[in-house]
Structures are given as C-alpha cells and as structure tokens.
Amino acid sequence: MAVQETDGKQTAMRIDMNSDMGESFGRWTLGDDEALLDVVSSANVACGFHAGDPSVMLRTLSYAASRGVMVGAHVAYRDLAGFGRRYVDESPDELKADVMYQIAALEGMARSVGAQVRYVKPHGALYNRIVRDESQAAAVVEAIRSVDASLAILTQPSAVVGRLAAQAGLRVFHEAFADRAYNADGTLVSRRLPDAVIADPAEVAARVLRMVCEHEVVAIGGTVVPLNADSVCVHGDSPSAVAMARAVRARLESEGVAIRAFAGDAAASAARD
C-alpha cells in the first residue's frame, strides 16, 4: 500500500508510479518514453521478447539513468508478433531460461550507462498467467533467483508468483493499474472485453487517488474491491499515456502524496497478505 513517510513532524504518504517502456522496435515507435520518464518514478523496460530491440533497450536505459528513474526488467513470453499478449506453451525449464536471458541482457546494458536493474515485472500473458499458475510462476521465481537474487518482483496482490517469490526470499511489491478495469475478484478485465481500458485522464486520476488513499477500487458491476499497492501502473502504449500520467501525478501531489520509487524499500510488502 502507499507508505506513510515521516519527515520531521509531518507524516506524508508516498507511492511509486511505473510505466512500461522501451516497446518500440526498429523504425516502429510506440509511446513517448522521454516524456513519461519526466513523470514516473520506475520504468519497466521491455527486454526484446514482446517488444524492444537492443538499440531501443539501450536508449531507454540511457533516458532513465539521466533522469534518476529506477529500472525494472519487463520480461515476457517470446511473442513479438502478438506483443506478448498470447499464451505460449513452453515448459518451465524453457520459461526459466527465457526469463534469465531477458534479465541478464537488460542488466548488462544497464551497467553500460550507469543504471541498475532493481526489479522484474512480467508482461502481458505471462503476467496474467502467473497470477494463478504455480508451475509457470515457480519458473519465473527460479529465473530471478538464478540471475540476481537481490531483484524484487512487481505483481498483483495475492498472485501465486508473489507468494512463491516471498517464500524464496525475494522482495515482493504489489501494483494497481490506473487505466485498467477490475473484476470483482481483483483480477484485471480482459482486454478483449469492452471497457477494459479507461481512457479519460481525469477519471483515471480520481480513481488512482482512491486506490492510494482509500486502498480500494470499484470493479465492473460496482463491487468495491480492497486494493493495497506499492505502485501504480500507467500503461505507456496508450494514446493518452503522457496526459494520463501527468494528470495522475498532479492529482496525487495536490493531495499531499509524494511520488517515490518503491524499489529502494528494504522490506517486502508481501508479508501484509
């Protein structure tokens, strides 16, 4: 959840804002990473499997380093054509190797520009699958531990991968989605369904304020769902991404909520579940 931070005699609330970045490929551009990096505190950088290429990865890391934005590895199934949103039938061993490869590549490039990868956030179909799939979740956890056990993982509250990661000694942080609709069970509404993505920046900003300050979100159908998050994700590939991120940050800061990267926190949030 948003953390209460004491500064002298005042107690302030803080939250991380993250966004998916580095999702351009070759001559094809997706999103305005430079503008978003002036707003968010953590950047989930695509590692070439669902989007991105070596040049895009390096450029995005350089942008992040110049702005002091924390970096995470945005790992995915090997699915460039489907933008990582299609389920891939691969064995746990294959998945482990794929995730290790992506993390290691990003860490090497990050070092070259003076940045440091601090966490892992799975993308798309992989992200949704390891909310419930024990075998695939275990493969992702083992991949992270094998490459760099100091890395945290960013996932949904109550996800299987978060539980397994905490059991393995990894730090776990939870996120909420600013622009995605929720089901009554706390999962995300499928993008294939109508109204799965919310586009109005003012509506999203008001929604995020409720998430951060009241720790809840109104799901499809009107159910109020408890939601404790360390970070709020604003998707970088939506047409209004920059306007939305700016609106969210402005609304939070107007209410006294500071924007700070979660990855510097020493304690795992998973213990709260």
C-alpha atoms as a PDB file:
ATOM      1  CA  MET A   1       0.000   0.000   0.000  1.00  0.00           C
ATOM      2  CA  ALA A   2       1.046   3.634  -0.137  1.00  0.00           C
ATOM      3  CA  VAL A   3       3.650   4.121   2.575  1.00  0.00           C
ATOM      4  CA  GLN A   4       3.454   6.687   5.374  1.00  0.00           C
ATOM      5  CA  GLU A   5       6.769   8.531   5.371  1.00  0.00           C
ATOM      6  CA  THR A   6       7.765  10.642   8.390  1.00  0.00           C
ATOM      7  CA  ASP A   7       9.645  13.880   7.719  1.00  0.00           C
ATOM      8  CA  GLY A   8      10.242  15.843  10.918  1.00  0.00           C
ATOM      9  CA  LYS A   9       6.849  16.444  12.491  1.00  0.00           C
ATOM     10  CA  GLN A  10       4.827  15.755   9.350  1.00  0.00           C
ATOM     11  CA  THR A  11       3.709  12.372   8.078  1.00  0.00           C
ATOM     12  CA  ALA A  12       3.289  12.124   4.319  1.00  0.00           C
ATOM     13  CA  MET A  13       2.005   9.379   2.050  1.00  0.00           C
ATOM     14  CA  ARG A  14       4.075   8.161  -0.876  1.00  0.00           C
ATOM     15  CA  ILE A  15       3.507   5.862  -3.817  1.00  0.00           C
ATOM     16  CA  ASP A  16       5.519   4.692  -6.826  1.00  0.00           C
ATOM     17  CA  MET A  17       4.378   5.323 -10.391  1.00  0.00           C
ATOM     18  CA  ASN A  18       5.566   2.839 -13.013  1.00  0.00           C
ATOM     19  CA  SER A  19       5.138   2.583 -16.764  1.00  0.00           C
ATOM     20  CA  ASP A  20       6.044   0.073 -19.491  1.00  0.00           C
ATOM     21  CA  MET A  21       8.753   1.471 -21.769  1.00  0.00           C
ATOM     22  CA  GLY A  22      11.201   0.563 -24.496  1.00  0.00           C
ATOM     23  CA  GLU A  23       8.433  -1.052 -26.529  1.00  0.00           C
ATOM     24  CA  SER A  24       9.423   0.427 -29.890  1.00  0.00           C
ATOM     25  CA  PHE A  25      11.073  -1.850 -32.460  1.00  0.00           C
ATOM     26  CA  GLY A  26      13.412  -0.854 -35.271  1.00  0.00           C
ATOM     27  CA  ARG A  27      11.803   2.007 -37.210  1.00  0.00           C
ATOM     28  CA  TRP A  28       8.445   1.483 -35.461  1.00  0.00           C
ATOM     29  CA  THR A  29       7.830   3.772 -32.479  1.00  0.00           C
ATOM     30  CA  LEU A  30       5.430   3.079 -29.634  1.00  0.00           C
ATOM     31  CA  GLY A  31       4.908   5.531 -26.804  1.00  0.00           C
ATOM     32  CA  ASP A  32       6.742   8.675 -25.717  1.00  0.00           C
ATOM     33  CA  ASP A  33       9.302   7.281 -23.297  1.00  0.00           C
ATOM     34  CA  GLU A  34      11.192  10.546 -22.809  1.00  0.00           C
ATOM     35  CA  ALA A  35       8.073  12.428 -21.763  1.00  0.00           C
ATOM     36  CA  LEU A  36       6.887   9.635 -19.474  1.00  0.00           C
ATOM     37  CA  LEU A  37      10.265   9.441 -17.767  1.00  0.00           C
ATOM     38  CA  ASP A  38       9.746  13.004 -16.583  1.00  0.00           C
ATOM     39  CA  VAL A  39       6.619  11.854 -14.731  1.00  0.00           C
ATOM     40  CA  VAL A  40       7.054   8.300 -13.413  1.00  0.00           C
ATOM     41  CA  SER A  41       9.476   7.011 -10.780  1.00  0.00           C
ATOM     42  CA  SER A  42      10.008   3.463 -12.139  1.00  0.00           C
ATOM     43  CA  ALA A  43      10.386   2.229 -15.723  1.00  0.00           C
ATOM     44  CA  ASN A  44       9.579  -1.332 -16.824  1.00  0.00           C
ATOM     45  CA  VAL A  45      11.912  -1.780 -19.801  1.00  0.00           C
ATOM     46  CA  ALA A  46      10.989  -4.336 -22.471  1.00  0.00           C
ATOM     47  CA  CYS A  47      13.734  -6.899 -22.997  1.00  0.00           C
ATOM     48  CA  GLY A  48      13.224  -7.817 -26.649  1.00  0.00           C
ATOM     49  CA  PHE A  49      10.804 -10.733 -26.339  1.00  0.00           C
ATOM     50  CA  HIS A  50       7.447  -8.957 -26.623  1.00  0.00           C
ATOM     51  CA  ALA A  51       8.811  -5.602 -27.806  1.00  0.00           C
ATOM     52  CA  GLY A  52      12.024  -3.630 -27.999  1.00  0.00           C
ATOM     53  CA  ASP A  53      15.379  -4.388 -29.564  1.00  0.00           C
ATOM     54  CA  PRO A  54      18.973  -3.844 -28.354  1.00  0.00           C
ATOM     55  CA  SER A  55      19.124  -0.249 -29.610  1.00  0.00           C
ATOM     56  CA  VAL A  56      15.758   0.622 -28.071  1.00  0.00           C
ATOM     57  CA  MET A  57      16.717  -1.043 -24.791  1.00  0.00           C
ATOM     58  CA  LEU A  58      19.976   0.912 -24.580  1.00  0.00           C
ATOM     59  CA  ARG A  59      18.323   4.211 -25.468  1.00  0.00           C
ATOM     60  CA  THR A  60      15.551   3.731 -22.906  1.00  0.00           C
ATOM     61  CA  LEU A  61      18.040   2.823 -20.196  1.00  0.00           C
ATOM     62  CA  SER A  62      20.083   5.937 -21.001  1.00  0.00           C
ATOM     63  CA  TYR A  63      16.977   8.121 -20.730  1.00  0.00           C
ATOM     64  CA  ALA A  64      16.075   6.538 -17.381  1.00  0.00           C
ATOM     65  CA  ALA A  65      19.598   6.906 -15.994  1.00  0.00           C
ATOM     66  CA  SER A  66      19.750  10.585 -16.941  1.00  0.00           C
ATOM     67  CA  ARG A  67      16.543  11.244 -15.006  1.00  0.00           C
ATOM     68  CA  GLY A  68      17.280   9.073 -11.972  1.00  0.00           C
ATOM     69  CA  VAL A  69      14.320   6.790 -12.701  1.00  0.00           C
ATOM     70  CA  MET A  70      14.502   3.243 -11.308  1.00  0.00           C
ATOM     71  CA  VAL A  71      14.623   0.431 -13.875  1.00  0.00           C
ATOM     72  CA  GLY A  72      12.902  -2.951 -13.948  1.00  0.00           C
ATOM     73  CA  ALA A  73      13.110  -5.828 -16.432  1.00  0.00           C
ATOM     74  CA  HIS A  74       9.799  -6.184 -18.284  1.00  0.00           C
ATOM     75  CA  VAL A  75      10.080  -9.871 -19.178  1.00  0.00           C
ATOM     76  CA  ALA A  76       7.620 -11.731 -21.393  1.00  0.00           C
ATOM     77  CA  TYR A  77       6.863 -14.760 -23.486  1.00  0.00           C
ATOM     78  CA  ARG A  78       8.741 -14.846 -26.807  1.00  0.00           C
ATOM     79  CA  ASP A  79       5.931 -13.245 -28.828  1.00  0.00           C
ATOM     80  CA  LEU A  80       6.898 -10.167 -30.832  1.00  0.00           C
ATOM     81  CA  ALA A  81       4.043 -10.566 -33.301  1.00  0.00           C
ATOM     82  CA  GLY A  82       1.438 -10.726 -30.537  1.00  0.00           C
ATOM     83  CA  PHE A  83       3.086  -8.107 -28.292  1.00  0.00           C
ATOM     84  CA  GLY A  84       3.400 -10.739 -25.569  1.00  0.00           C
ATOM     85  CA  ARG A  85      -0.356 -10.939 -25.105  1.00  0.00           C
ATOM     86  CA  ARG A  86      -0.697 -14.513 -26.360  1.00  0.00           C
ATOM     87  CA  TYR A  87      -0.110 -17.533 -24.151  1.00  0.00           C
ATOM     88  CA  VAL A  88       2.929 -19.557 -25.209  1.00  0.00           C
ATOM     89  CA  ASP A  89       3.046 -23.274 -24.465  1.00  0.00           C
ATOM     90  CA  GLU A  90       6.556 -23.745 -23.135  1.00  0.00           C
ATOM     91  CA  SER A  91       7.932 -25.936 -20.395  1.00  0.00           C
ATOM     92  CA  PRO A  92       9.001 -24.479 -17.031  1.00  0.00           C
ATOM     93  CA  ASP A  93      12.645 -25.072 -17.987  1.00  0.00           C
ATOM     94  CA  GLU A  94      12.196 -23.180 -21.251  1.00  0.00           C
ATOM     95  CA  LEU A  95      10.435 -20.331 -19.497  1.00  0.00           C
ATOM     96  CA  LYS A  96      13.128 -20.142 -16.830  1.00  0.00           C
ATOM     97  CA  ALA A  97      15.831 -19.862 -19.497  1.00  0.00           C
ATOM     98  CA  ASP A  98      13.891 -17.219 -21.433  1.00  0.00           C
ATOM     99  CA  VAL A  99      13.369 -15.057 -18.343  1.00  0.00           C
ATOM    100  CA  MET A 100      17.016 -15.452 -17.288  1.00  0.00           C
ATOM    101  CA  TYR A 101      18.133 -14.358 -20.757  1.00  0.00           C
ATOM    102  CA  GLN A 102      15.996 -11.225 -20.684  1.00  0.00           C
ATOM    103  CA  ILE A 103      17.086 -10.147 -17.196  1.00  0.00           C
ATOM    104  CA  ALA A 104      20.773 -10.769 -17.933  1.00  0.00           C
ATOM    105  CA  ALA A 105      20.621  -8.797 -21.189  1.00  0.00           C
ATOM    106  CA  LEU A 106      18.992  -5.792 -19.537  1.00  0.00           C
ATOM    107  CA  GLU A 107      21.353  -5.869 -16.555  1.00  0.00           C
ATOM    108  CA  GLY A 108      24.398  -5.837 -18.842  1.00  0.00           C
ATOM    109  CA  MET A 109      23.110  -2.922 -20.879  1.00  0.00           C
ATOM    110  CA  ALA A 110      22.071  -1.031 -17.766  1.00  0.00           C
ATOM    111  CA  ARG A 111      25.580  -1.231 -16.331  1.00  0.00           C
ATOM    112  CA  SER A 112      26.971   0.304 -19.524  1.00  0.00           C
ATOM    113  CA  VAL A 113      25.004   3.525 -18.954  1.00  0.00           C
ATOM    114  CA  GLY A 114      25.334   3.708 -15.180  1.00  0.00           C
ATOM    115  CA  ALA A 115      21.868   2.337 -14.417  1.00  0.00           C
ATOM    116  CA  GLN A 116      20.910  -0.634 -12.242  1.00  0.00           C
ATOM    117  CA  VAL A 117      18.041  -3.075 -12.734  1.00  0.00           C
ATOM    118  CA  ARG A 118      16.207  -3.244  -9.407  1.00  0.00           C
ATOM    119  CA  TYR A 119      13.149  -5.412 -10.065  1.00  0.00           C
ATOM    120  CA  VAL A 120      11.312  -7.666 -12.515  1.00  0.00           C
ATOM    121  CA  LYS A 121       7.784  -7.125 -13.804  1.00  0.00           C
ATOM    122  CA  PRO A 122       6.381  -9.799 -16.137  1.00  0.00           C
ATOM    123  CA  HIS A 123       4.343  -8.589 -19.100  1.00  0.00           C
ATOM    124  CA  GLY A 124       1.047  -9.422 -20.751  1.00  0.00           C
ATOM    125  CA  ALA A 125       0.042 -13.062 -20.965  1.00  0.00           C
ATOM    126  CA  LEU A 126       2.915 -14.149 -18.713  1.00  0.00           C
ATOM    127  CA  TYR A 127       1.919 -11.601 -16.065  1.00  0.00           C
ATOM    128  CA  ASN A 128      -1.681 -12.802 -16.042  1.00  0.00           C
ATOM    129  CA  ARG A 129      -0.790 -16.484 -16.145  1.00  0.00           C
ATOM    130  CA  ILE A 130       1.460 -16.460 -13.103  1.00  0.00           C
ATOM    131  CA  VAL A 131      -1.271 -14.889 -11.019  1.00  0.00           C
ATOM    132  CA  ARG A 132      -2.649 -18.437 -10.741  1.00  0.00           C
ATOM    133  CA  ASP A 133      -0.304 -20.930 -12.484  1.00  0.00           C
ATOM    134  CA  GLU A 134       2.046 -22.454  -9.886  1.00  0.00           C
ATOM    135  CA  SER A 135       4.381 -24.156 -12.382  1.00  0.00           C
ATOM    136  CA  GLN A 136       4.940 -21.108 -14.575  1.00  0.00           C
ATOM    137  CA  ALA A 137       5.182 -18.839 -11.529  1.00  0.00           C
ATOM    138  CA  ALA A 138       7.826 -21.079  -9.964  1.00  0.00           C
ATOM    139  CA  ALA A 139       9.847 -20.947 -13.188  1.00  0.00           C
ATOM    140  CA  VAL A 140       9.843 -17.146 -13.146  1.00  0.00           C
ATOM    141  CA  VAL A 141      10.869 -17.044  -9.484  1.00  0.00           C
ATOM    142  CA  GLU A 142      13.704 -19.506 -10.072  1.00  0.00           C
ATOM    143  CA  ALA A 143      14.891 -17.481 -13.060  1.00  0.00           C
ATOM    144  CA  ILE A 144      15.109 -14.320 -10.975  1.00  0.00           C
ATOM    145  CA  ARG A 145      16.918 -16.079  -8.141  1.00  0.00           C
ATOM    146  CA  SER A 146      19.366 -17.685 -10.576  1.00  0.00           C
ATOM    147  CA  VAL A 147      20.374 -14.401 -12.197  1.00  0.00           C
ATOM    148  CA  ASP A 148      20.157 -11.913  -9.329  1.00  0.00           C
ATOM    149  CA  ALA A 149      18.504 -12.721  -6.015  1.00  0.00           C
ATOM    150  CA  SER A 150      18.640  -9.055  -4.991  1.00  0.00           C
ATOM    151  CA  LEU A 151      15.950  -8.211  -7.538  1.00  0.00           C
ATOM    152  CA  ALA A 152      12.391  -7.604  -6.371  1.00  0.00           C
ATOM    153  CA  ILE A 153       9.297  -8.687  -8.276  1.00  0.00           C
ATOM    154  CA  LEU A 154       6.331  -6.456  -9.061  1.00  0.00           C
ATOM    155  CA  THR A 155       2.974  -8.194  -9.388  1.00  0.00           C
ATOM    156  CA  GLN A 156      -0.707  -8.104  -8.448  1.00  0.00           C
ATOM    157  CA  PRO A 157      -1.777  -8.521  -4.807  1.00  0.00           C
ATOM    158  CA  SER A 158      -2.479 -12.160  -3.883  1.00  0.00           C
ATOM    159  CA  ALA A 159      -0.811 -13.529  -7.041  1.00  0.00           C
ATOM    160  CA  VAL A 160       0.706 -17.008  -6.823  1.00  0.00           C
ATOM    161  CA  VAL A 161       4.033 -15.656  -8.105  1.00  0.00           C
ATOM    162  CA  GLY A 162       4.183 -13.182  -5.225  1.00  0.00           C
ATOM    163  CA  ARG A 163       3.636 -15.914  -2.654  1.00  0.00           C
ATOM    164  CA  LEU A 164       6.288 -18.158  -4.211  1.00  0.00           C
ATOM    165  CA  ALA A 165       8.746 -15.287  -4.536  1.00  0.00           C
ATOM    166  CA  ALA A 166       8.336 -14.335  -0.877  1.00  0.00           C
ATOM    167  CA  GLN A 167       8.859 -17.962   0.134  1.00  0.00           C
ATOM    168  CA  ALA A 168      12.054 -17.970  -1.933  1.00  0.00           C
ATOM    169  CA  GLY A 169      13.361 -14.891  -0.121  1.00  0.00           C
ATOM    170  CA  LEU A 170      12.729 -12.346  -2.873  1.00  0.00           C
ATOM    171  CA  ARG A 171      11.262  -8.935  -2.136  1.00  0.00           C
ATOM    172  CA  VAL A 172       7.701  -8.594  -3.427  1.00  0.00           C
ATOM    173  CA  PHE A 173       5.870  -5.399  -4.293  1.00  0.00           C
ATOM    174  CA  HIS A 174       2.296  -5.035  -5.434  1.00  0.00           C
ATOM    175  CA  GLU A 175       0.798  -2.778  -8.056  1.00  0.00           C
ATOM    176  CA  ALA A 176      -2.521  -1.333  -9.087  1.00  0.00           C
ATOM    177  CA  PHE A 177      -3.452  -0.389 -12.651  1.00  0.00           C
ATOM    178  CA  ALA A 178      -4.529   3.180 -13.200  1.00  0.00           C
ATOM    179  CA  ASP A 179      -6.228   2.635 -16.546  1.00  0.00           C
ATOM    180  CA  ARG A 180      -7.464  -0.956 -16.394  1.00  0.00           C
ATOM    181  CA  ALA A 181     -10.873  -2.185 -15.253  1.00  0.00           C
ATOM    182  CA  TYR A 182     -11.042  -4.743 -12.438  1.00  0.00           C
ATOM    183  CA  ASN A 183     -13.192  -7.820 -11.927  1.00  0.00           C
ATOM    184  CA  ALA A 184     -14.892  -8.386  -8.578  1.00  0.00           C
ATOM    185  CA  ASP A 185     -12.184 -10.933  -7.625  1.00  0.00           C
ATOM    186  CA  GLY A 186      -9.449  -8.327  -8.009  1.00  0.00           C
ATOM    187  CA  THR A 187      -8.150  -9.576 -11.366  1.00  0.00           C
ATOM    188  CA  LEU A 188      -7.991  -7.430 -14.486  1.00  0.00           C
ATOM    189  CA  VAL A 189     -10.794  -7.399 -17.045  1.00  0.00           C
ATOM    190  CA  SER A 190      -9.584  -8.997 -20.285  1.00  0.00           C
ATOM    191  CA  ARG A 191      -8.589  -6.527 -22.996  1.00  0.00           C
ATOM    192  CA  ARG A 192     -10.854  -8.488 -25.332  1.00  0.00           C
ATOM    193  CA  LEU A 193     -13.886  -7.198 -23.440  1.00  0.00           C
ATOM    194  CA  PRO A 194     -15.474  -3.745 -23.765  1.00  0.00           C
ATOM    195  CA  ASP A 195     -14.478  -1.049 -21.266  1.00  0.00           C
ATOM    196  CA  ALA A 196     -11.383  -2.982 -20.176  1.00  0.00           C
ATOM    197  CA  VAL A 197      -9.223   0.136 -20.602  1.00  0.00           C
ATOM    198  CA  ILE A 198     -10.151   3.566 -19.203  1.00  0.00           C
ATOM    199  CA  ALA A 199      -9.025   6.440 -21.416  1.00  0.00           C
ATOM    200  CA  ASP A 200     -10.121   9.650 -19.661  1.00  0.00           C
ATOM    201  CA  PRO A 201      -7.185  11.188 -17.716  1.00  0.00           C
ATOM    202  CA  ALA A 202      -9.409  12.963 -15.155  1.00  0.00           C
ATOM    203  CA  GLU A 203     -11.373   9.785 -14.417  1.00  0.00           C
ATOM    204  CA  VAL A 204      -8.166   7.790 -14.084  1.00  0.00           C
ATOM    205  CA  ALA A 205      -6.608  10.384 -11.751  1.00  0.00           C
ATOM    206  CA  ALA A 206      -9.631  10.334  -9.428  1.00  0.00           C
ATOM    207  CA  ARG A 207      -9.609   6.535  -9.476  1.00  0.00           C
ATOM    208  CA  VAL A 208      -5.918   6.377  -8.569  1.00  0.00           C
ATOM    209  CA  LEU A 209      -6.385   8.800  -5.692  1.00  0.00           C
ATOM    210  CA  ARG A 210      -9.000   6.445  -4.249  1.00  0.00           C
ATOM    211  CA  MET A 211      -6.673   3.466  -4.758  1.00  0.00           C
ATOM    212  CA  VAL A 212      -3.819   5.183  -2.949  1.00  0.00           C
ATOM    213  CA  CYS A 213      -5.695   6.927  -0.136  1.00  0.00           C
ATOM    214  CA  GLU A 214      -8.607   4.562   0.494  1.00  0.00           C
ATOM    215  CA  HIS A 215      -6.936   1.319  -0.677  1.00  0.00           C
ATOM    216  CA  GLU A 216      -9.849   0.239  -2.862  1.00  0.00           C
ATOM    217  CA  VAL A 217     -11.133   0.223  -6.428  1.00  0.00           C
ATOM    218  CA  VAL A 218     -14.621  -0.008  -7.900  1.00  0.00           C
ATOM    219  CA  ALA A 219     -14.811  -3.102 -10.098  1.00  0.00           C
ATOM    220  CA  ILE A 220     -17.036  -3.836 -13.090  1.00  0.00           C
ATOM    221  CA  GLY A 221     -20.581  -4.121 -11.757  1.00  0.00           C
ATOM    222  CA  GLY A 222     -19.994  -1.698  -8.899  1.00  0.00           C
ATOM    223  CA  THR A 223     -18.338  -4.005  -6.364  1.00  0.00           C
ATOM    224  CA  VAL A 224     -15.790  -2.229  -4.145  1.00  0.00           C
ATOM    225  CA  VAL A 225     -12.603  -4.314  -4.034  1.00  0.00           C
ATOM    226  CA  PRO A 226      -9.819  -3.847  -1.414  1.00  0.00           C
ATOM    227  CA  LEU A 227      -6.538  -2.981  -3.128  1.00  0.00           C
ATOM    228  CA  ASN A 228      -3.243  -2.438  -1.321  1.00  0.00           C
ATOM    229  CA  ALA A 229      -0.493  -1.362  -3.703  1.00  0.00           C
ATOM    230  CA  ASP A 230       3.083  -0.114  -3.538  1.00  0.00           C
ATOM    231  CA  SER A 231       2.999   1.160  -7.108  1.00  0.00           C
ATOM    232  CA  VAL A 232       0.521   2.387  -9.692  1.00  0.00           C
ATOM    233  CA  CYS A 233       0.998   1.458 -13.352  1.00  0.00           C
ATOM    234  CA  VAL A 234       0.117   3.831 -16.190  1.00  0.00           C
ATOM    235  CA  HIS A 235       0.484   1.982 -19.493  1.00  0.00           C
ATOM    236  CA  GLY A 236       2.913   3.683 -21.851  1.00  0.00           C
ATOM    237  CA  ASP A 237       1.377   2.339 -25.075  1.00  0.00           C
ATOM    238  CA  SER A 238      -1.987   4.105 -24.833  1.00  0.00           C
ATOM    239  CA  PRO A 239      -2.535   7.268 -26.932  1.00  0.00           C
ATOM    240  CA  SER A 240      -3.180   9.389 -23.849  1.00  0.00           C
ATOM    241  CA  ALA A 241      -0.386   7.849 -21.753  1.00  0.00           C
ATOM    242  CA  VAL A 242       1.584  11.034 -21.089  1.00  0.00           C
ATOM    243  CA  ALA A 243      -1.502  13.154 -20.362  1.00  0.00           C
ATOM    244  CA  MET A 244      -2.815  10.425 -18.098  1.00  0.00           C
ATOM    245  CA  ALA A 245       0.451  10.057 -16.183  1.00  0.00           C
ATOM    246  CA  ARG A 246       0.683  13.822 -15.703  1.00  0.00           C
ATOM    247  CA  ALA A 247      -2.927  14.012 -14.517  1.00  0.00           C
ATOM    248  CA  VAL A 248      -2.377  11.165 -12.046  1.00  0.00           C
ATOM    249  CA  ARG A 249       0.800  12.663 -10.636  1.00  0.00           C
ATOM    250  CA  ALA A 250      -0.685  16.141 -10.368  1.00  0.00           C
ATOM    251  CA  ARG A 251      -3.784  14.842  -8.568  1.00  0.00           C
ATOM    252  CA  LEU A 252      -1.760  12.771  -6.124  1.00  0.00           C
ATOM    253  CA  GLU A 253       0.677  15.556  -5.337  1.00  0.00           C
ATOM    254  CA  SER A 254      -2.167  18.051  -4.890  1.00  0.00           C
ATOM    255  CA  GLU A 255      -3.429  15.766  -2.119  1.00  0.00           C
ATOM    256  CA  GLY A 256      -0.010  15.539  -0.459  1.00  0.00           C
ATOM    257  CA  VAL A 257       1.036  12.161  -1.899  1.00  0.00           C
ATOM    258  CA  ALA A 258       4.733  12.045  -2.837  1.00  0.00           C
ATOM    259  CA  ILE A 259       5.919  10.033  -5.856  1.00  0.00           C
ATOM    260  CA  ARG A 260       8.878   7.815  -4.912  1.00  0.00           C
ATOM    261  CA  ALA A 261      10.329   4.641  -6.433  1.00  0.00           C
ATOM    262  CA  PHE A 262       9.303   1.529  -4.499  1.00  0.00           C
ATOM    263  CA  ALA A 263      12.455  -0.380  -5.421  1.00  0.00           C
ATOM    264  CA  GLY A 264      14.509   1.345  -2.749  1.00  0.00           C
ATOM    265  CA  ASP A 265      12.321  -0.029   0.039  1.00  0.00           C
ATOM    266  CA  ALA A 266      14.036  -2.626   2.211  1.00  0.00           C
ATOM    267  CA  ALA A 267      11.029  -4.651   3.337  1.00  0.00           C
ATOM    268  CA  ALA A 268       8.770  -6.811   1.220  1.00  0.00           C
ATOM    269  CA  SER A 269       5.142  -5.821   1.086  1.00  0.00           C
ATOM    270  CA  ALA A 270       4.058  -9.426   0.590  1.00  0.00           C
ATOM    271  CA  ALA A 271       4.033 -10.027   4.331  1.00  0.00           C
ATOM    272  CA  ARG A 272       0.866  -7.978   4.519  1.00  0.00           C
ATOM    273  CA  ASP A 273      -1.168 -10.572   2.589  1.00  0.00           C
END
